[in-house]
């Protein structure tokens, strides 16, 4: 019987686009009065702050909210996103494809966000 070894695809660093994921915090850019003017078919640009040392406190979410601690860096970057997170001050996962950052998803932690 032959010993078959499957090796992973090699990464070509000259042709494959760089890919990484980071955590960002979005500012509150829309006030309550203008919130109704947001539309789902528009893209909004946020000045997002890169976070470091992001940690999730594992708790029983039925009785206590899950807490998030993080350190804020001085690096800001423009991220694009829809109406859903325009007023949330959310922490989002940003995914970098090529030279552009995209919002991959919003974190649903169900509790307090603590600036650690």
N, C-alpha and C. Protein backbone atom coordinates (compact mmCIF):
# COMPACT_ATOMS: atom_id res chain seq x y z
N UNK A 1 0.84 -1.18 0.00
CA UNK A 1 0.00 0.00 0.00
C UNK A 1 0.89 1.25 0.00
N UNK A 2 0.54 2.18 -0.85
CA UNK A 2 1.33 3.39 -0.95
C UNK A 2 1.01 4.35 0.18
N UNK A 3 2.04 5.02 0.64
CA UNK A 3 1.86 6.05 1.67
C UNK A 3 1.61 7.37 0.95
N UNK A 4 0.35 7.76 0.87
CA UNK A 4 -0.01 8.97 0.13
C UNK A 4 -0.02 10.15 1.09
N UNK A 5 0.71 11.17 0.71
CA UNK A 5 0.77 12.37 1.54
C UNK A 5 0.20 13.53 0.73
N UNK A 6 -0.76 14.22 1.30
CA UNK A 6 -1.34 15.38 0.62
C UNK A 6 -0.74 16.63 1.26
N UNK A 7 -0.09 17.43 0.45
CA UNK A 7 0.49 18.64 1.03
C UNK A 7 -0.38 19.84 0.68
N UNK A 8 -0.41 20.81 1.56
CA UNK A 8 -1.24 21.98 1.30
C UNK A 8 -0.72 22.80 0.13
N UNK A 9 -1.62 23.58 -0.44
CA UNK A 9 -1.25 24.46 -1.55
C UNK A 9 -0.19 25.45 -1.08
N UNK A 10 0.82 25.62 -1.90
CA UNK A 10 1.86 26.58 -1.56
C UNK A 10 1.33 27.99 -1.78
N UNK A 11 1.76 28.88 -0.93
CA UNK A 11 1.38 30.28 -1.09
C UNK A 11 2.42 30.96 -1.95
N UNK A 12 1.96 31.64 -2.98
CA UNK A 12 2.86 32.42 -3.82
C UNK A 12 2.80 33.85 -3.32
N UNK A 13 3.84 34.29 -2.64
CA UNK A 13 3.82 35.61 -2.00
C UNK A 13 3.86 36.75 -3.00
N UNK A 14 4.20 36.47 -4.25
CA UNK A 14 4.22 37.52 -5.26
C UNK A 14 2.86 37.71 -5.92
N UNK A 15 2.08 36.63 -6.02
CA UNK A 15 0.81 36.75 -6.74
C UNK A 15 -0.42 36.64 -5.84
N UNK A 16 -0.33 35.91 -4.72
CA UNK A 16 -1.50 35.78 -3.84
C UNK A 16 -1.70 37.08 -3.05
N UNK A 17 -2.96 37.49 -2.94
CA UNK A 17 -3.22 38.74 -2.22
C UNK A 17 -3.05 38.54 -0.72
N UNK A 18 -2.49 39.54 -0.02
CA UNK A 18 -2.35 39.42 1.43
C UNK A 18 -3.71 39.32 2.09
N UNK A 19 -3.80 38.57 3.16
CA UNK A 19 -5.08 38.32 3.80
C UNK A 19 -4.89 38.32 5.31
N UNK A 20 -5.65 39.13 6.01
CA UNK A 20 -5.56 39.13 7.47
C UNK A 20 -6.88 39.61 8.06
N UNK A 21 -7.05 39.33 9.33
CA UNK A 21 -8.26 39.72 10.04
C UNK A 21 -7.86 40.49 11.29
N UNK A 22 -8.54 41.59 11.56
CA UNK A 22 -8.27 42.39 12.76
C UNK A 22 -9.57 42.85 13.38
N UNK A 23 -9.47 43.30 14.63
CA UNK A 23 -10.62 43.84 15.35
C UNK A 23 -10.55 45.37 15.32
N UNK A 24 -11.69 45.99 15.06
CA UNK A 24 -11.77 47.45 15.04
C UNK A 24 -12.95 47.90 15.88
N UNK A 25 -12.86 49.14 16.39
CA UNK A 25 -14.01 49.74 17.04
C UNK A 25 -14.48 50.89 16.17
N UNK A 26 -15.79 50.92 15.95
CA UNK A 26 -16.38 51.98 15.14
C UNK A 26 -16.85 53.11 16.04
N UNK A 27 -16.68 54.35 15.60
CA UNK A 27 -17.19 55.47 16.39
C UNK A 27 -18.68 55.64 16.17
N UNK A 28 -19.30 56.40 17.05
CA UNK A 28 -20.71 56.73 16.86
C UNK A 28 -20.76 57.95 15.95
N UNK A 29 -21.12 57.75 14.70
CA UNK A 29 -21.04 58.85 13.74
C UNK A 29 -22.40 59.44 13.39
N UNK A 30 -23.47 58.75 13.72
CA UNK A 30 -24.81 59.22 13.38
C UNK A 30 -25.56 59.49 14.68
N UNK A 31 -26.13 60.68 14.81
CA UNK A 31 -26.88 60.95 16.03
C UNK A 31 -28.32 60.46 15.88
N UNK A 32 -29.04 60.42 16.99
CA UNK A 32 -30.39 59.85 17.01
C UNK A 32 -31.34 60.55 16.05
N UNK A 33 -31.20 61.86 15.89
CA UNK A 33 -32.13 62.61 15.04
C UNK A 33 -32.02 62.20 13.58
N UNK A 34 -30.82 61.89 13.14
CA UNK A 34 -30.60 61.56 11.73
C UNK A 34 -30.64 60.06 11.44
N UNK A 35 -30.88 59.25 12.47
CA UNK A 35 -30.81 57.81 12.28
C UNK A 35 -31.85 57.31 11.29
N UNK A 36 -33.04 57.92 11.29
CA UNK A 36 -34.10 57.49 10.37
C UNK A 36 -33.75 57.78 8.91
N UNK A 37 -32.79 58.68 8.69
CA UNK A 37 -32.41 59.02 7.32
C UNK A 37 -31.47 57.99 6.70
N UNK A 38 -30.93 57.10 7.51
CA UNK A 38 -30.05 56.07 6.97
C UNK A 38 -30.83 55.11 6.10
N UNK A 39 -30.23 54.70 5.01
CA UNK A 39 -30.90 53.75 4.13
C UNK A 39 -30.04 52.51 3.96
N UNK A 40 -30.70 51.40 3.78
CA UNK A 40 -30.00 50.12 3.70
C UNK A 40 -29.19 49.97 2.41
N UNK A 41 -29.54 50.73 1.38
CA UNK A 41 -28.84 50.54 0.11
C UNK A 41 -27.64 51.46 -0.05
N UNK A 42 -27.24 52.14 1.02
CA UNK A 42 -26.07 53.01 0.94
C UNK A 42 -24.92 52.42 1.74
N UNK A 43 -23.71 52.78 1.32
CA UNK A 43 -22.51 52.38 2.04
C UNK A 43 -22.02 53.61 2.81
N UNK A 44 -21.71 53.41 4.08
CA UNK A 44 -21.19 54.49 4.91
C UNK A 44 -19.74 54.18 5.26
N UNK A 45 -18.92 55.23 5.34
CA UNK A 45 -17.51 55.06 5.65
C UNK A 45 -17.28 55.50 7.09
N UNK A 46 -16.60 54.66 7.85
CA UNK A 46 -16.33 54.92 9.26
C UNK A 46 -14.83 55.06 9.46
N UNK A 47 -14.44 55.94 10.36
CA UNK A 47 -13.05 56.02 10.80
C UNK A 47 -12.91 55.05 11.96
N UNK A 48 -12.41 53.86 11.70
CA UNK A 48 -12.36 52.81 12.71
C UNK A 48 -10.99 52.77 13.38
N UNK A 49 -10.98 52.43 14.66
CA UNK A 49 -9.75 52.34 15.44
C UNK A 49 -9.35 50.88 15.61
N UNK A 50 -8.10 50.58 15.28
CA UNK A 50 -7.60 49.22 15.44
C UNK A 50 -7.45 48.90 16.92
N UNK A 51 -7.88 47.70 17.31
CA UNK A 51 -7.78 47.26 18.70
C UNK A 51 -6.71 46.18 18.82
N UNK A 52 -6.14 46.08 20.00
CA UNK A 52 -5.18 45.01 20.27
C UNK A 52 -5.53 44.33 21.58
N UNK A 53 -4.97 43.17 21.81
CA UNK A 53 -5.20 42.39 23.04
C UNK A 53 -6.69 42.21 23.33
N UNK A 54 -7.46 41.87 22.30
CA UNK A 54 -8.90 41.67 22.48
C UNK A 54 -9.13 40.33 23.17
N UNK A 55 -9.86 40.38 24.29
CA UNK A 55 -10.14 39.16 25.05
C UNK A 55 -11.61 39.12 25.40
N UNK A 56 -12.19 37.94 25.31
CA UNK A 56 -13.59 37.74 25.66
C UNK A 56 -13.66 36.99 26.97
N UNK A 57 -14.43 37.52 27.91
CA UNK A 57 -14.61 36.86 29.19
C UNK A 57 -15.71 35.81 29.04
N UNK A 58 -15.37 34.57 29.28
CA UNK A 58 -16.34 33.50 29.14
C UNK A 58 -17.19 33.45 30.40
N UNK A 59 -18.48 33.72 30.23
CA UNK A 59 -19.42 33.71 31.34
C UNK A 59 -20.68 32.99 30.89
N UNK A 60 -21.51 32.70 31.83
CA UNK A 60 -22.83 32.14 31.52
C UNK A 60 -23.69 33.27 30.97
N UNK A 61 -23.91 33.29 29.67
CA UNK A 61 -24.62 34.40 29.05
C UNK A 61 -26.09 34.44 29.43
N UNK A 62 -26.59 33.37 30.04
CA UNK A 62 -27.99 33.37 30.50
C UNK A 62 -28.14 34.27 31.73
N UNK A 63 -27.11 34.34 32.55
CA UNK A 63 -27.21 35.11 33.80
C UNK A 63 -26.37 36.37 33.80
N UNK A 64 -25.26 36.38 33.04
CA UNK A 64 -24.38 37.54 33.01
C UNK A 64 -24.02 37.86 31.56
N UNK A 65 -23.86 39.14 31.25
CA UNK A 65 -23.41 39.47 29.89
C UNK A 65 -21.95 39.09 29.69
N UNK A 66 -21.61 38.80 28.45
CA UNK A 66 -20.22 38.51 28.13
C UNK A 66 -19.47 39.82 28.01
N UNK A 67 -18.31 39.92 28.61
CA UNK A 67 -17.53 41.15 28.58
C UNK A 67 -16.39 41.03 27.58
N UNK A 68 -16.01 42.16 27.03
CA UNK A 68 -14.89 42.22 26.10
C UNK A 68 -13.90 43.23 26.64
N UNK A 69 -12.64 42.86 26.70
CA UNK A 69 -11.60 43.81 27.08
C UNK A 69 -10.65 43.96 25.90
N UNK A 70 -10.08 45.15 25.77
CA UNK A 70 -9.16 45.40 24.67
C UNK A 70 -8.32 46.62 24.97
N UNK A 71 -7.26 46.78 24.22
CA UNK A 71 -6.45 47.99 24.25
C UNK A 71 -6.69 48.73 22.95
N UNK A 72 -6.75 50.05 23.03
CA UNK A 72 -6.95 50.88 21.85
C UNK A 72 -5.59 51.31 21.31
N UNK A 73 -5.41 51.19 20.01
CA UNK A 73 -4.17 51.65 19.39
C UNK A 73 -4.39 53.04 18.81
N UNK A 74 -3.35 53.62 18.28
CA UNK A 74 -3.46 54.94 17.65
C UNK A 74 -3.72 54.83 16.15
N UNK A 75 -3.83 53.60 15.64
CA UNK A 75 -4.03 53.42 14.20
C UNK A 75 -5.50 53.52 13.84
N UNK A 76 -5.82 54.43 12.95
CA UNK A 76 -7.19 54.56 12.44
C UNK A 76 -7.19 54.25 10.96
N UNK A 77 -8.30 53.71 10.51
CA UNK A 77 -8.41 53.33 9.10
C UNK A 77 -9.87 53.49 8.68
N UNK A 78 -10.09 53.77 7.40
CA UNK A 78 -11.46 53.89 6.90
C UNK A 78 -12.00 52.51 6.57
N UNK A 79 -13.17 52.20 7.14
CA UNK A 79 -13.87 50.96 6.82
C UNK A 79 -15.24 51.32 6.27
N UNK A 80 -15.71 50.52 5.33
CA UNK A 80 -17.03 50.76 4.76
C UNK A 80 -18.02 49.76 5.32
N UNK A 81 -19.24 50.22 5.57
CA UNK A 81 -20.27 49.33 6.09
C UNK A 81 -21.64 49.88 5.84
N UNK A 82 -22.64 49.06 6.07
CA UNK A 82 -24.01 49.46 5.81
C UNK A 82 -24.69 50.12 6.99
N UNK A 83 -25.97 50.34 6.83
CA UNK A 83 -26.79 51.05 7.80
C UNK A 83 -26.85 50.34 9.15
N UNK A 84 -26.75 49.02 9.13
CA UNK A 84 -26.97 48.22 10.34
C UNK A 84 -26.06 48.62 11.50
N UNK A 85 -24.81 48.96 11.21
CA UNK A 85 -23.89 49.27 12.29
C UNK A 85 -23.49 50.74 12.34
N UNK A 86 -24.25 51.59 11.67
CA UNK A 86 -23.87 52.99 11.59
C UNK A 86 -23.90 53.71 12.93
N UNK A 87 -24.75 53.29 13.83
CA UNK A 87 -24.89 54.00 15.10
C UNK A 87 -24.59 53.10 16.29
N UNK A 88 -23.79 52.08 16.10
CA UNK A 88 -23.69 51.07 17.15
C UNK A 88 -22.46 51.16 18.03
N UNK A 89 -21.44 51.92 17.63
CA UNK A 89 -20.15 51.89 18.32
C UNK A 89 -19.68 50.45 18.48
N UNK A 90 -19.95 49.65 17.49
CA UNK A 90 -19.70 48.22 17.56
C UNK A 90 -18.21 47.90 17.43
N UNK A 91 -17.86 46.75 17.93
CA UNK A 91 -16.57 46.16 17.59
C UNK A 91 -16.84 45.24 16.40
N UNK A 92 -16.05 45.40 15.37
CA UNK A 92 -16.25 44.59 14.18
C UNK A 92 -14.96 43.88 13.83
N UNK A 93 -15.11 42.79 13.10
CA UNK A 93 -13.96 42.09 12.56
C UNK A 93 -13.75 42.60 11.14
N UNK A 94 -12.59 43.17 10.89
CA UNK A 94 -12.26 43.65 9.56
C UNK A 94 -11.38 42.64 8.85
N UNK A 95 -11.70 42.39 7.61
CA UNK A 95 -10.92 41.43 6.83
C UNK A 95 -10.22 42.17 5.71
N UNK A 96 -8.91 41.97 5.60
CA UNK A 96 -8.15 42.65 4.56
C UNK A 96 -7.92 41.70 3.40
N UNK A 97 -8.39 42.13 2.24
CA UNK A 97 -8.20 41.36 1.01
C UNK A 97 -7.49 42.29 0.03
N UNK A 98 -6.31 41.90 -0.37
CA UNK A 98 -5.52 42.81 -1.19
C UNK A 98 -5.10 43.99 -0.34
N UNK A 99 -5.33 45.19 -0.83
CA UNK A 99 -4.95 46.39 -0.08
C UNK A 99 -6.14 47.05 0.59
N UNK A 100 -7.32 46.44 0.54
CA UNK A 100 -8.53 47.05 1.07
C UNK A 100 -9.01 46.30 2.31
N UNK A 101 -9.58 47.06 3.24
CA UNK A 101 -10.21 46.46 4.41
C UNK A 101 -11.71 46.40 4.20
N UNK A 102 -12.32 45.32 4.62
CA UNK A 102 -13.77 45.14 4.55
C UNK A 102 -14.27 44.73 5.93
N UNK A 103 -15.50 45.11 6.26
CA UNK A 103 -16.08 44.65 7.50
C UNK A 103 -16.59 43.24 7.27
N UNK A 104 -16.04 42.30 8.01
CA UNK A 104 -16.45 40.92 7.83
C UNK A 104 -17.71 40.62 8.63
N UNK A 105 -17.74 41.02 9.89
CA UNK A 105 -18.95 40.81 10.68
C UNK A 105 -18.89 41.63 11.96
N UNK A 106 -20.05 41.86 12.50
CA UNK A 106 -20.19 42.56 13.78
C UNK A 106 -20.19 41.53 14.89
N UNK A 107 -19.54 41.85 15.98
CA UNK A 107 -19.50 40.92 17.11
C UNK A 107 -20.76 41.03 17.94
N UNK A 108 -21.37 39.91 18.22
CA UNK A 108 -22.57 39.87 19.07
C UNK A 108 -22.15 39.33 20.42
N UNK A 109 -21.85 40.23 21.35
CA UNK A 109 -21.37 39.78 22.65
C UNK A 109 -22.44 39.87 23.72
N UNK A 110 -23.52 40.57 23.45
CA UNK A 110 -24.65 40.59 24.37
C UNK A 110 -24.38 41.27 25.68
N UNK A 111 -23.38 42.09 25.77
CA UNK A 111 -23.11 42.72 27.05
C UNK A 111 -22.29 43.97 26.92
N UNK A 112 -21.62 44.26 27.99
CA UNK A 112 -20.89 45.50 28.13
C UNK A 112 -19.55 45.40 27.40
N UNK A 113 -19.15 46.50 26.78
CA UNK A 113 -17.84 46.56 26.15
C UNK A 113 -16.94 47.36 27.07
N UNK A 114 -15.89 46.73 27.56
CA UNK A 114 -15.00 47.36 28.52
C UNK A 114 -13.71 47.75 27.82
N UNK A 115 -13.30 49.00 27.99
CA UNK A 115 -12.03 49.45 27.44
C UNK A 115 -10.95 49.10 28.44
N UNK A 116 -10.15 48.07 28.12
CA UNK A 116 -9.20 47.53 29.07
C UNK A 116 -7.92 48.26 29.11
